[in-house]
Amino acid sequence: MTEEKKGADPKLVVAVQMLSIGIILLILGLVVLFVSPLRSMDHFVRLTFLISEASIIIVGLAFAIGGGIRYKRAKRA
């Protein structure tokens, strides 16, 4: 008498959310980086802009990789 699970798997939902957040952050970070006029910015503003964009891209990459790993693990189970 094993009961069948009903509804969505929470691990799969979290994995898909992490993967989609990571992809969105990567896309937005790269688009803003390529569209922004870096040459017309002051040195300090350019430096802080590049640091913040790099951190957004790194966090997006981390979320995408983590979400991909969680997705593969959730699909196996």
C-alpha atoms as a PDB file:
ATOM      1  CA  MET A   1       0.000   0.000   0.000  1.00  0.00           C
ATOM      2  CA  THR A   2       2.369   2.645  -1.185  1.00  0.00           C
ATOM      3  CA  GLU A   3       0.820   6.018  -1.709  1.00  0.00           C
ATOM      4  CA  GLU A   4       1.650   7.858  -4.886  1.00  0.00           C
ATOM      5  CA  LYS A   5       3.001  11.392  -4.546  1.00  0.00           C
ATOM      6  CA  LYS A   6       0.676  14.085  -5.773  1.00  0.00           C
ATOM      7  CA  GLY A   7       1.676  17.573  -6.788  1.00  0.00           C
ATOM      8  CA  ALA A   8       4.974  19.072  -7.817  1.00  0.00           C
ATOM      9  CA  ASP A   9       8.297  17.929  -6.426  1.00  0.00           C
ATOM     10  CA  PRO A  10       9.668  20.794  -4.297  1.00  0.00           C
ATOM     11  CA  LYS A  11      13.273  19.906  -5.149  1.00  0.00           C
ATOM     12  CA  LEU A  12      12.509  20.111  -8.853  1.00  0.00           C
ATOM     13  CA  VAL A  13      10.717  23.440  -8.411  1.00  0.00           C
ATOM     14  CA  VAL A  14      13.679  24.932  -6.525  1.00  0.00           C
ATOM     15  CA  ALA A  15      16.090  23.644  -9.175  1.00  0.00           C
ATOM     16  CA  VAL A  16      14.101  25.201 -12.018  1.00  0.00           C
ATOM     17  CA  GLN A  17      13.798  28.490 -10.127  1.00  0.00           C
ATOM     18  CA  MET A  18      17.542  28.612  -9.449  1.00  0.00           C
ATOM     19  CA  LEU A  19      18.348  27.804 -13.068  1.00  0.00           C
ATOM     20  CA  SER A  20      15.978  30.435 -14.433  1.00  0.00           C
ATOM     21  CA  ILE A  21      17.189  33.126 -12.002  1.00  0.00           C
ATOM     22  CA  GLY A  22      20.769  32.367 -12.986  1.00  0.00           C
ATOM     23  CA  ILE A  23      20.034  32.579 -16.704  1.00  0.00           C
ATOM     24  CA  ILE A  24      18.105  35.839 -16.272  1.00  0.00           C
ATOM     25  CA  LEU A  25      20.925  37.403 -14.220  1.00  0.00           C
ATOM     26  CA  LEU A  26      23.497  36.329 -16.805  1.00  0.00           C
ATOM     27  CA  ILE A  27      21.502  37.734 -19.702  1.00  0.00           C
ATOM     28  CA  LEU A  28      20.720  41.037 -17.983  1.00  0.00           C
ATOM     29  CA  GLY A  29      24.278  41.466 -16.706  1.00  0.00           C
ATOM     30  CA  LEU A  30      25.817  40.848 -20.121  1.00  0.00           C
ATOM     31  CA  VAL A  31      23.320  43.062 -21.955  1.00  0.00           C
ATOM     32  CA  VAL A  32      23.896  45.979 -19.591  1.00  0.00           C
ATOM     33  CA  LEU A  33      27.654  45.477 -19.857  1.00  0.00           C
ATOM     34  CA  PHE A  34      27.641  45.559 -23.656  1.00  0.00           C
ATOM     35  CA  VAL A  35      25.118  48.386 -24.056  1.00  0.00           C
ATOM     36  CA  SER A  36      26.615  50.806 -21.528  1.00  0.00           C
ATOM     37  CA  PRO A  37      28.932  53.560 -22.761  1.00  0.00           C
ATOM     38  CA  LEU A  38      32.065  52.774 -20.745  1.00  0.00           C
ATOM     39  CA  ARG A  39      34.315  55.341 -22.423  1.00  0.00           C
ATOM     40  CA  SER A  40      32.167  58.294 -21.406  1.00  0.00           C
ATOM     41  CA  MET A  41      32.160  57.357 -17.704  1.00  0.00           C
ATOM     42  CA  ASP A  42      34.507  58.831 -15.129  1.00  0.00           C
ATOM     43  CA  HIS A  43      37.201  56.508 -13.840  1.00  0.00           C
ATOM     44  CA  PHE A  44      35.602  55.864 -10.438  1.00  0.00           C
ATOM     45  CA  VAL A  45      32.117  55.365 -11.896  1.00  0.00           C
ATOM     46  CA  ARG A  46      33.502  52.987 -14.530  1.00  0.00           C
ATOM     47  CA  LEU A  47      35.355  51.000 -11.875  1.00  0.00           C
ATOM     48  CA  THR A  48      32.313  50.638  -9.628  1.00  0.00           C
ATOM     49  CA  PHE A  49      30.126  49.819 -12.635  1.00  0.00           C
ATOM     50  CA  LEU A  50      32.464  47.040 -13.762  1.00  0.00           C
ATOM     51  CA  ILE A  51      32.716  45.627 -10.228  1.00  0.00           C
ATOM     52  CA  SER A  52      28.941  45.553  -9.814  1.00  0.00           C
ATOM     53  CA  GLU A  53      28.388  44.044 -13.262  1.00  0.00           C
ATOM     54  CA  ALA A  54      31.030  41.400 -12.621  1.00  0.00           C
ATOM     55  CA  SER A  55      29.375  40.471  -9.341  1.00  0.00           C
ATOM     56  CA  ILE A  56      25.951  40.209 -11.020  1.00  0.00           C
ATOM     57  CA  ILE A  57      27.393  37.981 -13.749  1.00  0.00           C
ATOM     58  CA  ILE A  58      29.244  35.793 -11.224  1.00  0.00           C
ATOM     59  CA  VAL A  59      26.122  35.360  -9.068  1.00  0.00           C
ATOM     60  CA  GLY A  60      24.097  34.541 -12.184  1.00  0.00           C
ATOM     61  CA  LEU A  61      26.671  31.971 -13.240  1.00  0.00           C
ATOM     62  CA  ALA A  62      26.674  30.427  -9.775  1.00  0.00           C
ATOM     63  CA  PHE A  63      22.872  30.210  -9.719  1.00  0.00           C
ATOM     64  CA  ALA A  64      22.789  28.709 -13.216  1.00  0.00           C
ATOM     65  CA  ILE A  65      25.412  26.084 -12.392  1.00  0.00           C
ATOM     66  CA  GLY A  66      23.837  25.274  -9.020  1.00  0.00           C
ATOM     67  CA  GLY A  67      20.375  25.070 -10.552  1.00  0.00           C
ATOM     68  CA  GLY A  68      21.630  22.814 -13.321  1.00  0.00           C
ATOM     69  CA  ILE A  69      23.245  20.450 -10.827  1.00  0.00           C
ATOM     70  CA  ARG A  70      20.121  20.415  -8.635  1.00  0.00           C
ATOM     71  CA  TYR A  71      17.946  19.829 -11.709  1.00  0.00           C
ATOM     72  CA  LYS A  72      19.969  16.797 -12.774  1.00  0.00           C
ATOM     73  CA  ARG A  73      19.837  15.368  -9.232  1.00  0.00           C
ATOM     74  CA  ALA A  74      16.086  15.994  -8.925  1.00  0.00           C
ATOM     75  CA  LYS A  75      15.361  14.363 -12.287  1.00  0.00           C
ATOM     76  CA  ARG A  76      17.244  11.193 -11.239  1.00  0.00           C
ATOM     77  CA  ALA A  77      15.257  10.760  -8.031  1.00  0.00           C
END
